[in-house]
Amino acid sequence: MREYLLVFVVAAAVTFLATPVARALALRIGAVAGVRDRDVHAKPTARLGGLAMLAGLYAGLGVADRLPFLSQVSRDWSEPRAVLVAATLICLLGVADDKWELDSLTKLAGQMVAAAVMVQLGVQFSFAINWNSETTVSLGPETAVPISIFSIVVLINAINFIDGLDGLAAGVTAIAAGATFYFAYSLAVVDGFSRAAPAALLAAVTAGVCVGFLPHNFNPARLFMGDSGSMLIGLLSASSMISVTGQVAYGGYAGPSRSLPSLIPLAIPLAVLAVPFLDLGLAVIRRTRAGRSPFSPDKMHLHHRMLEIGKSQVRAVLFMYFWAALVGFGGVAASFSSAPLPILLATLGVGLLGLVVLLLLGQRTARRDAGAAPASTSTSA
């Protein structure tokens, strides 16, 4: 555990120190986000935050490769090298978009290339659930490769879609990575797997680069991560998700929970990233029904709706953090519990209660603003 903590700290520290350098470069080459109708920031802000995150990724995995315990991950598994190569490609694609704003089809093609490279180098699903029993079946390349590429591209865009408020994407991804690390490490302890696992290492590094970037990105942001950052952390999240679900035959999972032992572990990555997946799904449906491209931008994401009902940027982001942590860690706790159903019901109940509180506070704010408007009008008269 201490080596994982060291990797996390190194990744966070290098990202934090490299972010001002990335900001200076962005200003120098003109990679700056202007103010558009769908944006919530009020002044032009530099992008290219992904370059600082990429530096943190290289530093974190580089340190892990030299530690006595975690160095065996690179020796025994191909994931770290695959992630570094694919992360470099996706970050460079994002840099080009931060500078020149590429069209959606070009970005999608680049995402598929980066995903395919990572899959071919070893990050891919290996097993699937046998629905007729509590066993798993091995996936051949003709099935594993397209499923893995599709999953990576979906997750890249899910994170990209929620990158609309200062600190939102980095914070939600850090929480998701923390929950994934907790699950992967606990699974190794419970079932006697090696604790030096690719999924846990990749989750620790992902959390590190996001936490290191947050001080510069939280409202008011001095630098945006841009597509170079959002697509990068989406790819990193996908790599840890696939590692934790695809590299172990979970049909033999024998944790404390005997209820659906094969399905609960597979649901954890989906739970920790429920917020971006929900936002992605709603955006695709909304835009398709309107006859537009699923990748066409708008101002109707979940975080935009929260702002409309009276939340400040900080409050909206913190509430999204709350939801991500509740769903993610609640799902992990349920997977290792002998009675998972009460935990899942409690998680659902707290989440719904939080939603009700949010709506009530928004209505109170709206009524206060409505009451203040006539008063100001009569005063001016």
Protein backbone atom coordinates (compact mmCIF):
# COMPACT_ATOMS: atom_id res chain seq x y z
CA MET A 1 0.00 0.00 0.00
CA ARG A 2 2.86 2.42 0.75
CA GLU A 3 4.23 2.06 -2.77
CA TYR A 4 0.81 2.80 -4.25
CA LEU A 5 0.63 5.90 -2.06
CA LEU A 6 4.08 6.98 -3.27
CA VAL A 7 3.03 6.56 -6.91
CA PHE A 8 -0.10 8.61 -6.23
CA VAL A 9 1.89 11.42 -4.56
CA VAL A 10 4.52 11.52 -7.33
CA ALA A 11 1.88 11.63 -10.08
CA ALA A 12 0.00 14.40 -8.25
CA ALA A 13 3.14 16.44 -7.50
CA VAL A 14 4.51 16.30 -11.03
CA THR A 15 1.12 17.19 -12.51
CA PHE A 16 0.78 20.11 -10.10
CA LEU A 17 4.26 21.45 -10.93
CA ALA A 18 3.88 20.91 -14.68
CA THR A 19 0.51 22.67 -14.95
CA PRO A 20 1.91 26.25 -14.93
CA VAL A 21 4.32 25.19 -17.68
CA ALA A 22 1.42 23.84 -19.73
CA ARG A 23 -0.49 27.07 -19.16
CA ALA A 24 2.44 29.18 -20.36
CA LEU A 25 2.75 27.02 -23.47
CA ALA A 26 -0.99 27.30 -24.16
CA LEU A 27 -0.86 31.08 -23.97
CA ARG A 28 2.21 31.14 -26.19
CA ILE A 29 0.70 29.06 -29.00
CA GLY A 30 -2.83 30.44 -28.65
CA ALA A 31 -4.52 27.31 -27.26
CA VAL A 32 -7.12 29.35 -25.41
CA ALA A 33 -10.82 28.66 -24.87
CA GLY A 34 -12.88 31.65 -25.89
CA VAL A 35 -16.27 32.50 -24.40
CA ARG A 36 -19.14 30.82 -26.29
CA ASP A 37 -22.89 30.69 -25.66
CA ARG A 38 -22.72 27.16 -24.21
CA ASP A 39 -19.79 27.93 -21.89
CA VAL A 40 -20.05 29.01 -18.26
CA HIS A 41 -16.67 30.72 -17.94
CA ALA A 42 -16.69 34.50 -18.32
CA LYS A 43 -13.23 35.14 -19.77
CA PRO A 44 -10.85 33.37 -22.21
CA THR A 45 -8.91 30.61 -20.43
CA ALA A 46 -5.85 28.64 -21.48
CA ARG A 47 -6.15 24.92 -22.26
CA LEU A 48 -3.58 22.10 -22.70
CA GLY A 49 -3.93 20.80 -19.13
CA GLY A 50 -3.60 17.30 -20.55
CA LEU A 51 0.12 17.84 -21.13
CA ALA A 52 0.67 18.31 -17.38
CA MET A 53 -1.42 15.22 -16.68
CA LEU A 54 0.59 13.23 -19.20
CA ALA A 55 3.79 14.29 -17.42
CA GLY A 56 2.28 13.09 -14.13
CA LEU A 57 1.34 9.78 -15.73
CA TYR A 58 4.88 9.20 -17.01
CA ALA A 59 6.34 10.14 -13.62
CA GLY A 60 3.95 7.92 -11.65
CA LEU A 61 4.45 4.84 -13.81
CA GLY A 62 8.20 5.55 -14.01
CA VAL A 63 8.50 5.55 -10.23
CA ALA A 64 6.38 2.38 -9.98
CA ASP A 65 8.74 0.65 -12.39
CA ARG A 66 11.63 1.27 -9.98
CA LEU A 67 9.96 0.21 -6.74
CA PRO A 68 10.74 -3.24 -5.34
CA PHE A 69 7.09 -4.35 -5.12
CA LEU A 70 5.26 -2.57 -7.95
CA SER A 71 8.03 -3.11 -10.50
CA GLN A 72 6.68 -6.63 -11.02
CA VAL A 73 3.59 -5.13 -12.68
CA SER A 74 5.65 -3.99 -15.67
CA ARG A 75 7.54 -7.29 -15.72
CA ASP A 76 4.46 -9.50 -15.64
CA TRP A 77 1.83 -7.38 -17.39
CA SER A 78 1.72 -5.34 -20.59
CA GLU A 79 -0.80 -2.77 -19.36
CA PRO A 80 1.59 0.00 -18.22
CA ARG A 81 3.40 0.15 -21.56
CA ALA A 82 0.14 -0.07 -23.50
CA VAL A 83 -1.36 2.77 -21.49
CA LEU A 84 1.68 5.01 -21.94
CA VAL A 85 1.65 4.60 -25.72
CA ALA A 86 -2.11 5.10 -26.07
CA ALA A 87 -2.15 7.98 -23.57
CA THR A 88 0.53 9.79 -25.57
CA LEU A 89 -1.48 9.38 -28.78
CA ILE A 90 -4.78 10.53 -27.26
CA CYS A 91 -3.12 13.49 -25.55
CA LEU A 92 -1.49 14.65 -28.79
CA LEU A 93 -4.87 14.38 -30.50
CA GLY A 94 -6.31 16.52 -27.73
CA VAL A 95 -3.51 19.07 -28.06
CA ALA A 96 -4.37 19.45 -31.74
CA ASP A 97 -8.03 19.95 -30.82
CA ASP A 98 -7.18 22.45 -28.07
CA LYS A 99 -5.24 24.46 -30.62
CA TRP A 100 -7.28 24.08 -33.82
CA GLU A 101 -10.67 22.65 -32.67
CA LEU A 102 -10.92 19.51 -34.79
CA ASP A 103 -14.27 18.31 -36.09
CA SER A 104 -16.08 15.53 -34.22
CA LEU A 105 -15.45 12.80 -36.83
CA THR A 106 -11.71 13.46 -36.83
CA LYS A 107 -11.63 13.24 -33.04
CA LEU A 108 -13.69 10.05 -33.07
CA ALA A 109 -11.31 8.47 -35.58
CA GLY A 110 -8.33 9.46 -33.44
CA GLN A 111 -9.99 8.05 -30.33
CA MET A 112 -10.57 4.76 -32.08
CA VAL A 113 -6.93 4.60 -33.20
CA ALA A 114 -5.66 5.25 -29.66
CA ALA A 115 -8.12 2.71 -28.24
CA ALA A 116 -7.12 0.11 -30.83
CA VAL A 117 -3.43 0.62 -30.03
CA MET A 118 -4.05 0.14 -26.32
CA VAL A 119 -6.14 -2.95 -26.95
CA GLN A 120 -3.61 -4.51 -29.32
CA LEU A 121 -0.84 -3.90 -26.79
CA GLY A 122 -2.69 -5.84 -24.12
CA VAL A 123 -5.49 -3.88 -22.44
CA GLN A 124 -8.61 -5.79 -23.38
CA PHE A 125 -11.44 -7.82 -21.90
CA SER A 126 -10.48 -11.48 -21.53
CA PHE A 127 -13.58 -13.02 -19.96
CA ALA A 128 -17.36 -12.69 -20.13
CA ILE A 129 -20.16 -13.92 -17.89
CA ASN A 130 -21.76 -17.25 -18.67
CA TRP A 131 -25.38 -16.34 -17.92
CA ASN A 132 -26.35 -19.98 -17.35
CA SER A 133 -23.94 -20.47 -14.47
CA GLU A 134 -21.57 -18.70 -12.13
CA THR A 135 -18.63 -19.29 -14.45
CA THR A 136 -16.98 -17.19 -17.11
CA VAL A 137 -16.05 -17.93 -20.69
CA SER A 138 -12.86 -16.87 -22.40
CA LEU A 139 -13.26 -14.28 -25.13
CA GLY A 140 -11.52 -14.71 -28.45
CA PRO A 141 -9.88 -11.74 -30.16
CA GLU A 142 -12.74 -11.44 -32.66
CA THR A 143 -15.02 -10.56 -29.72
CA ALA A 144 -12.66 -9.06 -27.15
CA VAL A 145 -11.05 -6.49 -29.46
CA PRO A 146 -14.19 -4.70 -30.73
CA ILE A 147 -15.87 -4.79 -27.30
CA SER A 148 -12.77 -3.32 -25.68
CA ILE A 149 -12.34 -0.59 -28.30
CA PHE A 150 -16.01 0.35 -28.05
CA SER A 151 -15.85 0.52 -24.24
CA ILE A 152 -12.75 2.74 -24.30
CA VAL A 153 -14.23 5.17 -26.84
CA VAL A 154 -17.51 5.40 -24.90
CA LEU A 155 -15.70 6.16 -21.65
CA ILE A 156 -13.42 8.73 -23.29
CA ASN A 157 -16.48 10.61 -24.52
CA ALA A 158 -18.36 10.19 -21.23
CA ILE A 159 -15.59 12.03 -19.38
CA ASN A 160 -15.25 14.55 -22.20
CA PHE A 161 -18.97 15.35 -22.04
CA ILE A 162 -18.95 16.26 -18.33
CA ASP A 163 -15.95 18.57 -18.67
CA GLY A 164 -18.08 21.68 -18.52
CA LEU A 165 -17.52 23.15 -15.06
CA ASP A 166 -14.27 24.03 -13.31
CA GLY A 167 -12.91 20.94 -11.59
CA LEU A 168 -15.84 18.67 -12.46
CA ALA A 169 -14.22 16.09 -14.77
CA ALA A 170 -10.99 15.89 -12.76
CA GLY A 171 -12.81 15.51 -9.45
CA VAL A 172 -15.33 12.91 -10.63
CA THR A 173 -12.56 10.90 -12.31
CA ALA A 174 -10.40 11.07 -9.18
CA ILE A 175 -13.30 9.75 -7.08
CA ALA A 176 -13.99 7.00 -9.61
CA ALA A 177 -10.31 6.05 -9.67
CA GLY A 178 -10.24 5.96 -5.87
CA ALA A 179 -13.24 3.62 -5.76
CA THR A 180 -11.73 1.44 -8.49
CA PHE A 181 -8.45 1.24 -6.55
CA TYR A 182 -10.30 0.33 -3.37
CA PHE A 183 -12.17 -2.43 -5.18
CA ALA A 184 -9.14 -3.83 -7.03
CA TYR A 185 -6.92 -3.82 -3.94
CA SER A 186 -9.62 -5.27 -1.68
CA LEU A 187 -10.39 -7.98 -4.22
CA ALA A 188 -6.74 -9.00 -4.24
CA VAL A 189 -6.71 -9.18 -0.43
CA VAL A 190 -9.97 -11.13 -0.14
CA ASP A 191 -9.26 -13.68 -2.87
CA GLY A 192 -5.51 -13.93 -2.41
CA PHE A 193 -4.50 -12.38 -5.74
CA SER A 194 -1.23 -10.51 -6.10
CA ARG A 195 -1.61 -7.03 -4.62
CA ALA A 196 0.71 -5.68 -7.31
CA ALA A 197 -2.04 -5.48 -9.94
CA PRO A 198 -2.29 -3.37 -13.10
CA ALA A 199 -5.81 -2.19 -12.26
CA ALA A 200 -4.79 -0.86 -8.84
CA LEU A 201 -1.65 0.79 -10.22
CA LEU A 202 -3.48 2.49 -13.09
CA ALA A 203 -6.24 3.67 -10.74
CA ALA A 204 -3.68 5.13 -8.31
CA VAL A 205 -1.90 7.02 -11.11
CA THR A 206 -5.20 8.26 -12.55
CA ALA A 207 -6.29 9.58 -9.15
CA GLY A 208 -2.87 11.22 -8.73
CA VAL A 209 -2.89 13.17 -11.99
CA CYS A 210 -6.46 14.36 -11.37
CA VAL A 211 -5.77 15.48 -7.79
CA GLY A 212 -2.57 17.23 -8.89
CA PHE A 213 -4.46 19.15 -11.56
CA LEU A 214 -7.43 20.16 -9.40
CA PRO A 215 -5.79 23.08 -7.51
CA HIS A 216 -5.26 24.85 -10.85
CA ASN A 217 -8.63 23.83 -12.29
CA PHE A 218 -11.07 24.38 -9.43
CA ASN A 219 -13.27 27.46 -9.70
CA PRO A 220 -12.05 29.95 -10.76
CA ALA A 221 -9.91 27.86 -13.09
CA ARG A 222 -6.56 29.22 -14.23
CA LEU A 223 -6.22 26.44 -16.81
CA PHE A 224 -8.65 24.06 -18.50
CA MET A 225 -7.66 20.47 -19.10
CA GLY A 226 -9.08 20.75 -22.62
CA ASP A 227 -9.64 17.69 -24.78
CA SER A 228 -5.99 16.81 -24.24
CA GLY A 229 -6.86 16.21 -20.58
CA SER A 230 -10.46 14.99 -20.68
CA MET A 231 -9.76 12.35 -23.33
CA LEU A 232 -6.59 11.34 -21.49
CA ILE A 233 -8.28 10.70 -18.15
CA GLY A 234 -11.15 9.00 -19.96
CA LEU A 235 -8.69 6.59 -21.52
CA LEU A 236 -6.96 6.06 -18.15
CA SER A 237 -10.30 5.32 -16.49
CA ALA A 238 -11.08 2.80 -19.23
CA SER A 239 -7.71 1.09 -18.77
CA SER A 240 -8.23 0.48 -15.05
CA MET A 241 -11.85 -0.56 -15.65
CA ILE A 242 -10.87 -3.15 -18.24
CA SER A 243 -8.00 -4.40 -16.09
CA VAL A 244 -10.20 -4.92 -13.05
CA THR A 245 -13.01 -6.64 -14.97
CA GLY A 246 -11.30 -8.32 -17.89
CA GLN A 247 -8.12 -9.86 -16.55
CA VAL A 248 -9.61 -12.10 -13.84
CA ALA A 249 -12.15 -14.88 -14.29
CA TYR A 250 -14.74 -13.53 -11.87
CA GLY A 251 -16.79 -16.68 -12.06
CA GLY A 252 -14.45 -17.88 -9.33
CA TYR A 253 -14.91 -14.73 -7.24
CA ALA A 254 -15.46 -15.79 -3.65
CA GLY A 255 -15.82 -12.61 -1.68
CA PRO A 256 -18.10 -12.16 1.32
CA SER A 257 -21.12 -11.54 -0.90
CA ARG A 258 -22.69 -14.76 -2.23
CA SER A 259 -25.39 -12.91 -4.13
CA LEU A 260 -24.58 -12.83 -7.86
CA PRO A 261 -20.83 -13.18 -7.22
CA SER A 262 -19.92 -12.84 -10.86
CA LEU A 263 -22.09 -9.83 -11.69
CA ILE A 264 -21.39 -7.53 -8.74
CA PRO A 265 -17.66 -7.02 -9.53
CA LEU A 266 -18.46 -6.27 -13.14
CA ALA A 267 -20.95 -3.59 -12.10
CA ILE A 268 -18.46 -1.64 -9.97
CA PRO A 269 -16.74 0.32 -12.79
CA LEU A 270 -20.16 1.23 -14.19
CA ALA A 271 -21.27 2.38 -10.73
CA VAL A 272 -18.27 4.60 -10.04
CA LEU A 273 -18.71 6.31 -13.40
CA ALA A 274 -22.51 6.43 -13.30
CA VAL A 275 -22.63 10.23 -13.50
CA PRO A 276 -20.66 10.64 -16.76
CA PHE A 277 -22.35 7.60 -18.31
CA LEU A 278 -25.78 9.02 -17.48
CA ASP A 279 -24.84 12.41 -18.88
CA LEU A 280 -23.46 10.81 -22.05
CA GLY A 281 -26.60 8.74 -22.60
CA LEU A 282 -28.93 11.69 -22.08
CA ALA A 283 -26.84 13.86 -24.41
CA VAL A 284 -26.88 11.27 -27.21
CA ILE A 285 -30.66 10.77 -26.91
CA ARG A 286 -31.33 14.51 -26.72
CA ARG A 287 -29.22 15.41 -29.73
CA THR A 288 -30.35 12.46 -31.86
CA ARG A 289 -34.02 13.28 -31.26
CA ALA A 290 -33.30 16.86 -32.32
CA GLY A 291 -31.81 15.59 -35.58
CA ARG A 292 -28.27 16.65 -34.66
CA SER A 293 -25.00 14.78 -34.32
CA PRO A 294 -24.51 13.04 -30.94
CA PHE A 295 -21.23 14.96 -30.67
CA SER A 296 -22.69 18.40 -31.36
CA PRO A 297 -22.24 20.63 -28.29
CA ASP A 298 -25.08 22.12 -26.27
CA LYS A 299 -25.78 23.62 -22.88
CA MET A 300 -28.09 20.95 -21.45
CA HIS A 301 -25.69 18.67 -19.58
CA LEU A 302 -26.47 17.69 -16.01
CA HIS A 303 -24.12 20.33 -14.63
CA HIS A 304 -25.75 23.01 -16.79
CA ARG A 305 -29.18 22.00 -15.47
CA MET A 306 -27.91 22.28 -11.91
CA LEU A 307 -26.73 25.82 -12.60
CA GLU A 308 -30.14 26.68 -14.04
CA ILE A 309 -31.93 25.75 -10.79
CA GLY A 310 -29.85 28.13 -8.76
CA LYS A 311 -26.53 26.47 -7.96
CA SER A 312 -23.20 28.20 -8.18
CA GLN A 313 -20.40 26.46 -10.06
CA VAL A 314 -18.76 25.35 -6.82
CA ARG A 315 -21.99 23.98 -5.35
CA ALA A 316 -22.88 22.17 -8.57
CA VAL A 317 -19.43 20.57 -8.76
CA LEU A 318 -19.45 19.54 -5.11
CA PHE A 319 -22.87 17.98 -5.53
CA MET A 320 -21.62 15.98 -8.52
CA TYR A 321 -18.69 14.87 -6.38
CA PHE A 322 -21.15 13.73 -3.74
CA TRP A 323 -23.14 11.67 -6.21
CA ALA A 324 -20.03 10.07 -7.72
CA ALA A 325 -18.60 9.16 -4.28
CA LEU A 326 -21.94 7.87 -3.02
CA VAL A 327 -22.58 5.61 -5.98
CA GLY A 328 -18.97 4.49 -6.41
CA PHE A 329 -18.02 3.67 -2.84
CA GLY A 330 -21.53 2.44 -2.05
CA GLY A 331 -21.22 -0.08 -4.87
CA VAL A 332 -17.79 -1.20 -3.71
CA ALA A 333 -19.00 -1.61 -0.13
CA ALA A 334 -21.97 -3.66 -1.33
CA SER A 335 -19.76 -5.98 -3.37
CA PHE A 336 -17.82 -7.01 -0.25
CA SER A 337 -20.80 -7.22 2.07
CA SER A 338 -22.65 -10.37 3.11
CA ALA A 339 -25.89 -8.36 2.74
CA PRO A 340 -25.39 -6.08 -0.30
CA LEU A 341 -29.06 -5.23 -0.86
CA PRO A 342 -29.50 -2.97 2.22
CA ILE A 343 -26.35 -1.06 1.28
CA LEU A 344 -27.54 -0.57 -2.29
CA LEU A 345 -30.98 0.55 -1.09
CA ALA A 346 -29.41 2.96 1.40
CA THR A 347 -27.17 4.34 -1.35
CA LEU A 348 -30.18 4.85 -3.60
CA GLY A 349 -32.14 6.48 -0.78
CA VAL A 350 -29.38 8.93 0.11
CA GLY A 351 -28.92 9.79 -3.55
CA LEU A 352 -32.63 10.51 -4.01
CA LEU A 353 -32.67 12.54 -0.80
CA GLY A 354 -29.77 14.61 -2.10
CA LEU A 355 -31.65 15.21 -5.36
CA VAL A 356 -34.75 16.38 -3.46
CA VAL A 357 -32.66 18.74 -1.33
CA LEU A 358 -31.03 20.12 -4.47
CA LEU A 359 -34.40 20.78 -6.11
CA LEU A 360 -35.84 22.42 -2.98
CA LEU A 361 -32.82 24.68 -2.60
CA GLY A 362 -33.09 25.61 -6.26
CA GLN A 363 -36.76 26.51 -5.90
CA ARG A 364 -36.03 28.63 -2.83
CA THR A 365 -33.29 30.47 -4.72
CA ALA A 366 -35.61 31.04 -7.67
CA ARG A 367 -38.35 32.44 -5.39
CA ARG A 368 -35.85 34.73 -3.65
CA ASP A 369 -34.58 36.03 -7.00
CA ALA A 370 -38.15 36.53 -8.23
CA GLY A 371 -39.00 38.49 -5.10
CA ALA A 372 -35.91 40.63 -5.39
CA ALA A 373 -36.64 41.61 -9.02
CA PRO A 374 -39.84 43.65 -8.36
CA ALA A 375 -38.21 45.33 -5.36
CA SER A 376 -35.28 46.51 -7.44
CA THR A 377 -37.66 47.73 -10.17
CA SER A 378 -39.72 49.81 -7.75
CA THR A 379 -36.55 51.23 -6.21
CA SER A 380 -35.23 52.36 -9.56
CA ALA A 381 -38.62 53.90 -10.39
